Amino acid sequence: MNTYTPTRPVHTQMPDVRNTNHPARRLIQSCLGEYDLKAIVEEDIRTSAVMKHMPGLISFVCTLKLKDRVIAQGYGSSVLNQNNRYVQRAVHSAMNSAVADSVIRATKVLGTLQDEVEAMVGAQMPPEPISEPQKKYLRELAVQQMNDDNEREQFLSELPELTKREASQMIQNMKS
């Protein structure tokens, strides 16, 4: 486990997820793909109506859709006044804020729709690989319980291919 110590350089404290054997690589790969997202930006008439006492208000609403389902709406606004006289900057700032807000809100929704998102990308989440503590414990159990050297070596050689769930089941079986 990497913990912060003032004597260790920062780059050695972080695990290298670029390593192809790192468990994060499978999760990263499962996120890759093409998403059918659509952003629809419109002037936010409701906000303008409520804030009619601010004649310089520019407001947008951005509706983000995944396929044909609305997954988020984001809002952005800006005000033209003596301090902010650049019309183009004010308009684009308000629009960009609405788009960014909708994407931020969508990330929360996409977490709850993960199965649908995976289906759209065309890949299921891969099973989590065996953890190092599981490998270590299974090695100990194998040494304690397996008398046949060939059987033990075969068992140990197959450990890296196990999933976390399979390793848990194997630990339970060997303990009982």
Protein backbone atom coordinates (compact mmCIF):
# COMPACT_ATOMS: atom_id res chain seq x y z
CA MET A 1 0.00 0.00 0.00
CA ASN A 2 1.41 3.38 -1.01
CA THR A 3 1.10 6.04 1.65
CA TYR A 4 2.44 9.55 1.74
CA THR A 5 5.87 9.94 3.19
CA PRO A 6 7.84 13.15 2.79
CA THR A 7 11.02 11.27 1.83
CA ARG A 8 9.50 9.40 -1.12
CA PRO A 9 9.19 11.17 -4.47
CA VAL A 10 5.60 11.88 -5.52
CA HIS A 11 5.78 9.77 -8.69
CA THR A 12 6.50 6.57 -6.73
CA GLN A 13 3.48 7.06 -4.47
CA MET A 14 0.94 6.56 -7.23
CA PRO A 15 0.26 3.19 -8.86
CA ASP A 16 1.12 3.09 -12.55
CA VAL A 17 -2.22 2.44 -14.26
CA ARG A 18 -0.45 2.44 -17.63
CA ASN A 19 0.83 -1.04 -16.76
CA THR A 20 -1.24 -3.53 -18.79
CA ASN A 21 -1.54 -5.83 -15.75
CA HIS A 22 -3.01 -3.17 -13.48
CA PRO A 23 -6.67 -3.94 -12.53
CA ALA A 24 -7.70 -0.41 -13.52
CA ARG A 25 -6.84 -1.17 -17.17
CA ARG A 26 -9.92 -3.39 -17.58
CA LEU A 27 -12.18 -0.73 -16.14
CA ILE A 28 -10.58 1.92 -18.32
CA GLN A 29 -11.10 -0.26 -21.40
CA SER A 30 -14.77 -0.76 -20.48
CA CYS A 31 -15.30 3.02 -20.56
CA LEU A 32 -13.96 3.41 -24.07
CA GLY A 33 -16.36 3.53 -26.97
CA GLU A 34 -18.77 5.71 -28.85
CA TYR A 35 -21.69 7.20 -26.96
CA ASP A 36 -24.83 8.35 -28.72
CA LEU A 37 -25.16 11.65 -26.82
CA LYS A 38 -27.01 14.66 -28.15
CA ALA A 39 -26.86 18.17 -26.68
CA ILE A 40 -29.76 20.50 -27.46
CA VAL A 41 -29.08 24.12 -26.50
CA GLU A 42 -32.02 26.53 -26.23
CA GLU A 43 -32.56 29.96 -24.79
CA ASP A 44 -33.86 29.63 -21.22
CA ILE A 45 -37.07 31.63 -21.54
CA ARG A 46 -38.33 30.63 -18.08
CA THR A 47 -35.27 31.98 -16.30
CA SER A 48 -35.42 35.18 -18.37
CA ALA A 49 -39.09 35.60 -17.44
CA VAL A 50 -38.44 35.10 -13.73
CA MET A 51 -35.45 37.45 -13.81
CA LYS A 52 -37.15 40.15 -15.91
CA HIS A 53 -35.75 42.82 -13.57
CA MET A 54 -32.31 42.04 -15.12
CA PRO A 55 -32.51 43.29 -18.73
CA GLY A 56 -28.93 42.20 -19.52
CA LEU A 57 -29.46 38.53 -18.56
CA ILE A 58 -28.47 35.93 -21.14
CA SER A 59 -29.51 32.39 -20.20
CA PHE A 60 -29.45 28.99 -21.84
CA VAL A 61 -30.69 25.51 -21.03
CA CYS A 62 -28.90 22.48 -22.47
CA THR A 63 -30.81 19.21 -22.66
CA LEU A 64 -28.55 16.18 -22.93
CA LYS A 65 -30.01 13.01 -24.43
CA LEU A 66 -28.68 9.47 -24.48
CA LYS A 67 -30.20 7.97 -27.61
CA ASP A 68 -33.76 9.33 -27.30
CA ARG A 69 -33.94 9.66 -23.49
CA VAL A 70 -33.29 12.90 -21.62
CA ILE A 71 -30.60 12.24 -19.03
CA ALA A 72 -29.80 15.77 -17.85
CA GLN A 73 -30.51 19.45 -18.20
CA GLY A 74 -27.93 22.11 -17.48
CA TYR A 75 -28.29 25.83 -17.09
CA GLY A 76 -25.95 28.69 -17.81
CA SER A 77 -26.28 32.44 -17.69
CA SER A 78 -24.34 35.62 -18.00
CA VAL A 79 -25.14 39.31 -17.61
CA LEU A 80 -24.32 42.22 -19.87
CA ASN A 81 -23.62 45.37 -17.84
CA GLN A 82 -20.95 48.05 -17.38
CA ASN A 83 -18.45 45.47 -16.07
CA ASN A 84 -19.15 42.89 -18.80
CA ARG A 85 -19.62 44.60 -22.17
CA TYR A 86 -18.25 41.90 -24.45
CA VAL A 87 -21.38 40.46 -26.03
CA GLN A 88 -19.76 37.50 -27.78
CA ARG A 89 -17.88 36.43 -24.65
CA ALA A 90 -21.01 36.76 -22.48
CA VAL A 91 -23.17 34.72 -24.86
CA HIS A 92 -20.59 31.95 -25.33
CA SER A 93 -19.83 31.84 -21.62
CA ALA A 94 -23.52 31.33 -20.81
CA MET A 95 -23.91 28.65 -23.48
CA ASN A 96 -20.74 26.81 -22.46
CA SER A 97 -21.85 26.88 -18.83
CA ALA A 98 -25.16 25.28 -19.77
CA VAL A 99 -23.44 22.52 -21.74
CA ALA A 100 -20.90 21.87 -18.99
CA ASP A 101 -23.64 21.83 -16.33
CA SER A 102 -25.66 19.28 -18.30
CA VAL A 103 -22.63 17.01 -18.70
CA ILE A 104 -21.80 17.25 -14.99
CA ARG A 105 -25.38 16.41 -14.06
CA ALA A 106 -25.41 13.55 -16.59
CA THR A 107 -22.43 11.87 -14.94
CA LYS A 108 -24.58 11.25 -11.88
CA VAL A 109 -27.38 9.82 -14.00
CA LEU A 110 -25.04 7.70 -16.11
CA GLY A 111 -23.80 5.99 -12.95
CA THR A 112 -27.34 4.74 -12.31
CA LEU A 113 -27.75 3.75 -15.95
CA GLN A 114 -24.42 1.91 -16.15
CA ASP A 115 -25.95 -1.31 -17.53
CA GLU A 116 -27.62 0.60 -20.36
CA VAL A 117 -24.44 2.55 -21.09
CA GLU A 118 -22.43 -0.68 -21.26
CA ALA A 119 -24.98 -2.20 -23.61
CA MET A 120 -24.73 0.85 -25.85
CA VAL A 121 -20.95 0.65 -25.95
CA GLY A 122 -21.28 -3.06 -26.62
CA ALA A 123 -19.11 -4.32 -23.81
CA GLN A 124 -19.96 -5.73 -20.43
CA MET A 125 -17.90 -4.72 -17.43
CA PRO A 126 -15.13 -7.29 -17.18
CA PRO A 127 -14.92 -9.28 -13.97
CA GLU A 128 -12.50 -7.89 -11.42
CA PRO A 129 -9.23 -9.84 -11.38
CA ILE A 130 -7.95 -11.63 -8.29
CA SER A 131 -6.42 -9.28 -5.72
CA GLU A 132 -2.90 -9.60 -4.38
CA PRO A 133 -4.09 -10.45 -0.84
CA GLN A 134 -6.28 -13.22 -2.30
CA LYS A 135 -3.33 -14.61 -4.28
CA LYS A 136 -1.13 -14.55 -1.20
CA TYR A 137 -3.75 -16.27 0.95
CA LEU A 138 -4.47 -18.92 -1.69
CA ARG A 139 -0.73 -19.63 -1.99
CA GLU A 140 -0.55 -20.13 1.77
CA LEU A 141 -3.57 -22.43 1.72
CA ALA A 142 -2.11 -24.42 -1.18
CA VAL A 143 1.20 -24.93 0.65
CA GLN A 144 -0.65 -26.00 3.81
CA GLN A 145 -3.21 -28.29 2.19
CA MET A 146 -1.78 -29.71 -1.04
CA ASN A 147 0.75 -32.47 -0.57
CA ASP A 148 1.18 -33.33 -4.25
CA ASP A 149 3.82 -30.99 -5.74
CA ASN A 150 2.44 -31.26 -9.29
CA GLU A 151 -1.09 -30.49 -8.17
CA ARG A 152 0.12 -27.53 -6.10
CA GLU A 153 2.22 -26.13 -8.98
CA GLN A 154 -0.71 -26.48 -11.39
CA PHE A 155 -2.98 -24.70 -8.89
CA LEU A 156 -0.49 -21.86 -8.33
CA SER A 157 0.06 -21.38 -12.08
CA GLU A 158 -3.69 -20.83 -12.58
CA LEU A 159 -4.05 -18.20 -9.84
CA PRO A 160 -3.41 -15.13 -12.05
CA GLU A 161 -6.35 -16.05 -14.33
CA LEU A 162 -8.89 -16.18 -11.49
CA THR A 163 -11.45 -13.46 -10.92
CA LYS A 164 -12.00 -11.91 -7.53
CA ARG A 165 -15.29 -13.80 -7.15
CA GLU A 166 -13.74 -17.14 -8.13
CA ALA A 167 -10.87 -16.58 -5.71
CA SER A 168 -13.33 -15.83 -2.88
CA GLN A 169 -15.23 -19.03 -3.60
CA MET A 170 -12.00 -21.01 -3.72
CA ILE A 171 -10.86 -19.55 -0.38
CA GLN A 172 -14.19 -20.51 1.19
CA ASN A 173 -13.92 -24.06 -0.19
CA MET A 174 -10.35 -24.51 0.99
CA LYS A 175 -11.07 -23.13 4.46
CA SER A 176 -13.92 -25.54 5.09
